[in-house]
Structures are given as structure tokens and as C-alpha cells.
Amino acid sequence: MKIFQLRDYTKEELLQKKHDLEEELFNLKLRKMTKQLENPLKLRNLKRDIARINTILNEDEKGIRRLAGESEGKKTMSSSDKKE
């Protein structure tokens, strides 16, 4: 999944997607241990997708980039607010 596609999701959708990917990763790890994994590259791709989602969530948390669907009413500190 590309990062520009993930940026269109809301926070709740991203958290749900992350949960689903983590479940799938867990199941693939079990299949790997039992030597039933057909495509080992799928593990790497899932880990990267989870990392992309974590990056987007951290950017939102730190105020670097807001998520889609968030209200623009959130006040960010301007330079004049910081001096007070």
C-alpha cells in the first residue's frame, strides 16, 4: 500500500487497518514457523505497511501533518502564542 493512499484515511480507519495488518502478520509468522508460508516477501511488505501507518499516526500526533477527516478547528500554537 502506498503512503499517499494511507494519508486519505481517518485516524480510526488507520488504527483498524493497523490492527488487521498486525493480525495478518501474526498468522503469517505462524505459517512460517510451520514451513507453510508460500510467499516470504509478504512478511516484509506487511511490516513496511505497518511502519507506514505508524509514521502517519506519529506525524499527526506531533502536528507535522494532519490526517484526513480531522476538523480544521484544532488550534495550533502560533509564534505569538509561544511568547506569552
C-alpha atoms as a PDB file:
ATOM      1  CA  MET A   1       0.000   0.000   0.000  1.00  0.00           C
ATOM      2  CA  LYS A   2       1.322   3.423  -0.926  1.00  0.00           C
ATOM      3  CA  ILE A   3       1.648   6.185   1.660  1.00  0.00           C
ATOM      4  CA  PHE A   4      -0.445   8.651  -0.353  1.00  0.00           C
ATOM      5  CA  GLN A   5      -3.330   6.160  -0.198  1.00  0.00           C
ATOM      6  CA  LEU A   6      -2.975   5.850   3.574  1.00  0.00           C
ATOM      7  CA  ARG A   7      -2.996   9.620   4.058  1.00  0.00           C
ATOM      8  CA  ASP A   8      -6.635   9.718   2.872  1.00  0.00           C
ATOM      9  CA  TYR A   9      -7.754   7.572   5.820  1.00  0.00           C
ATOM     10  CA  THR A  10      -9.075   8.899   9.123  1.00  0.00           C
ATOM     11  CA  LYS A  11      -7.379   8.037  12.410  1.00  0.00           C
ATOM     12  CA  GLU A  12      -9.945   5.360  13.240  1.00  0.00           C
ATOM     13  CA  GLU A  13      -9.555   3.765   9.815  1.00  0.00           C
ATOM     14  CA  LEU A  14      -5.763   3.769  10.168  1.00  0.00           C
ATOM     15  CA  LEU A  15      -5.937   2.148  13.588  1.00  0.00           C
ATOM     16  CA  GLN A  16      -8.306  -0.520  12.264  1.00  0.00           C
ATOM     17  CA  LYS A  17      -6.081  -1.126   9.239  1.00  0.00           C
ATOM     18  CA  LYS A  18      -3.036  -1.414  11.513  1.00  0.00           C
ATOM     19  CA  HIS A  19      -4.838  -3.930  13.709  1.00  0.00           C
ATOM     20  CA  ASP A  20      -5.836  -6.003  10.678  1.00  0.00           C
ATOM     21  CA  LEU A  21      -2.293  -5.972   9.294  1.00  0.00           C
ATOM     22  CA  GLU A  22      -0.838  -6.974  12.658  1.00  0.00           C
ATOM     23  CA  GLU A  23      -3.236  -9.933  12.826  1.00  0.00           C
ATOM     24  CA  GLU A  24      -2.273 -10.969   9.317  1.00  0.00           C
ATOM     25  CA  LEU A  25       1.426 -10.623  10.187  1.00  0.00           C
ATOM     26  CA  PHE A  26       0.942 -12.830  13.246  1.00  0.00           C
ATOM     27  CA  ASN A  27      -0.770 -15.502  11.163  1.00  0.00           C
ATOM     28  CA  LEU A  28       1.963 -15.397   8.542  1.00  0.00           C
ATOM     29  CA  LYS A  29       4.643 -15.754  11.205  1.00  0.00           C
ATOM     30  CA  LEU A  30       2.881 -18.871  12.483  1.00  0.00           C
ATOM     31  CA  ARG A  31       2.736 -20.275   8.972  1.00  0.00           C
ATOM     32  CA  LYS A  32       6.422 -19.504   8.524  1.00  0.00           C
ATOM     33  CA  MET A  33       7.289 -21.464  11.642  1.00  0.00           C
ATOM     34  CA  THR A  34       5.368 -24.466  10.371  1.00  0.00           C
ATOM     35  CA  LYS A  35       7.038 -24.158   6.943  1.00  0.00           C
ATOM     36  CA  GLN A  36       3.743 -23.451   5.194  1.00  0.00           C
ATOM     37  CA  LEU A  37       4.498 -19.914   4.040  1.00  0.00           C
ATOM     38  CA  GLU A  38       4.243 -19.635   0.266  1.00  0.00           C
ATOM     39  CA  ASN A  39       5.481 -16.065  -0.180  1.00  0.00           C
ATOM     40  CA  PRO A  40       8.062 -14.925   2.404  1.00  0.00           C
ATOM     41  CA  LEU A  41       8.166 -11.427   0.892  1.00  0.00           C
ATOM     42  CA  LYS A  42       4.644 -10.874   2.172  1.00  0.00           C
ATOM     43  CA  LEU A  43       6.080 -10.652   5.700  1.00  0.00           C
ATOM     44  CA  ARG A  44       8.370  -7.796   4.705  1.00  0.00           C
ATOM     45  CA  ASN A  45       5.593  -5.953   2.888  1.00  0.00           C
ATOM     46  CA  LEU A  46       3.258  -6.231   5.885  1.00  0.00           C
ATOM     47  CA  LYS A  47       5.942  -4.915   8.241  1.00  0.00           C
ATOM     48  CA  ARG A  48       6.523  -1.962   5.941  1.00  0.00           C
ATOM     49  CA  ASP A  49       2.804  -1.193   5.695  1.00  0.00           C
ATOM     50  CA  ILE A  50       2.543  -1.213   9.493  1.00  0.00           C
ATOM     51  CA  ALA A  51       5.557   1.107   9.704  1.00  0.00           C
ATOM     52  CA  ARG A  52       3.941   3.488   7.179  1.00  0.00           C
ATOM     53  CA  ILE A  53       0.774   3.632   9.268  1.00  0.00           C
ATOM     54  CA  ASN A  54       2.810   4.258  12.428  1.00  0.00           C
ATOM     55  CA  THR A  55       4.643   7.083  10.664  1.00  0.00           C
ATOM     56  CA  ILE A  56       1.402   8.751   9.607  1.00  0.00           C
ATOM     57  CA  LEU A  57      -0.054   8.415  13.119  1.00  0.00           C
ATOM     58  CA  ASN A  58       3.111   9.889  14.669  1.00  0.00           C
ATOM     59  CA  GLU A  59       3.109  12.785  12.205  1.00  0.00           C
ATOM     60  CA  ASP A  60      -0.461  13.577  13.223  1.00  0.00           C
ATOM     61  CA  GLU A  61       0.330  13.283  16.913  1.00  0.00           C
ATOM     62  CA  LYS A  62       3.270  15.668  16.641  1.00  0.00           C
ATOM     63  CA  GLY A  63       1.353  18.079  14.428  1.00  0.00           C
ATOM     64  CA  ILE A  64       3.632  17.670  11.432  1.00  0.00           C
ATOM     65  CA  ARG A  65       0.828  16.687   9.088  1.00  0.00           C
ATOM     66  CA  ARG A  66      -2.871  16.338   9.895  1.00  0.00           C
ATOM     67  CA  LEU A  67      -4.934  13.330   8.952  1.00  0.00           C
ATOM     68  CA  ALA A  68      -7.820  13.410   6.524  1.00  0.00           C
ATOM     69  CA  GLY A  69     -11.195  13.983   8.095  1.00  0.00           C
ATOM     70  CA  GLU A  70      -9.878  15.888  11.096  1.00  0.00           C
ATOM     71  CA  SER A  71     -11.546  19.159  11.841  1.00  0.00           C
ATOM     72  CA  GLU A  72      -9.580  22.228  10.937  1.00  0.00           C
ATOM     73  CA  GLY A  73     -10.813  23.789  14.163  1.00  0.00           C
ATOM     74  CA  LYS A  74      -7.860  22.488  16.129  1.00  0.00           C
ATOM     75  CA  LYS A  75      -5.779  25.398  17.273  1.00  0.00           C
ATOM     76  CA  THR A  76      -2.077  25.216  16.662  1.00  0.00           C
ATOM     77  CA  MET A  77       0.274  27.453  18.574  1.00  0.00           C
ATOM     78  CA  SER A  78       1.402  30.388  16.519  1.00  0.00           C
ATOM     79  CA  SER A  79       4.672  32.180  17.174  1.00  0.00           C
ATOM     80  CA  SER A  80       2.838  34.962  19.056  1.00  0.00           C
ATOM     81  CA  ASP A  81       1.176  32.379  21.352  1.00  0.00           C
ATOM     82  CA  LYS A  82       4.504  30.819  22.254  1.00  0.00           C
ATOM     83  CA  LYS A  83       5.984  34.068  23.549  1.00  0.00           C
ATOM     84  CA  GLU A  84       3.273  34.603  26.157  1.00  0.00           C
END
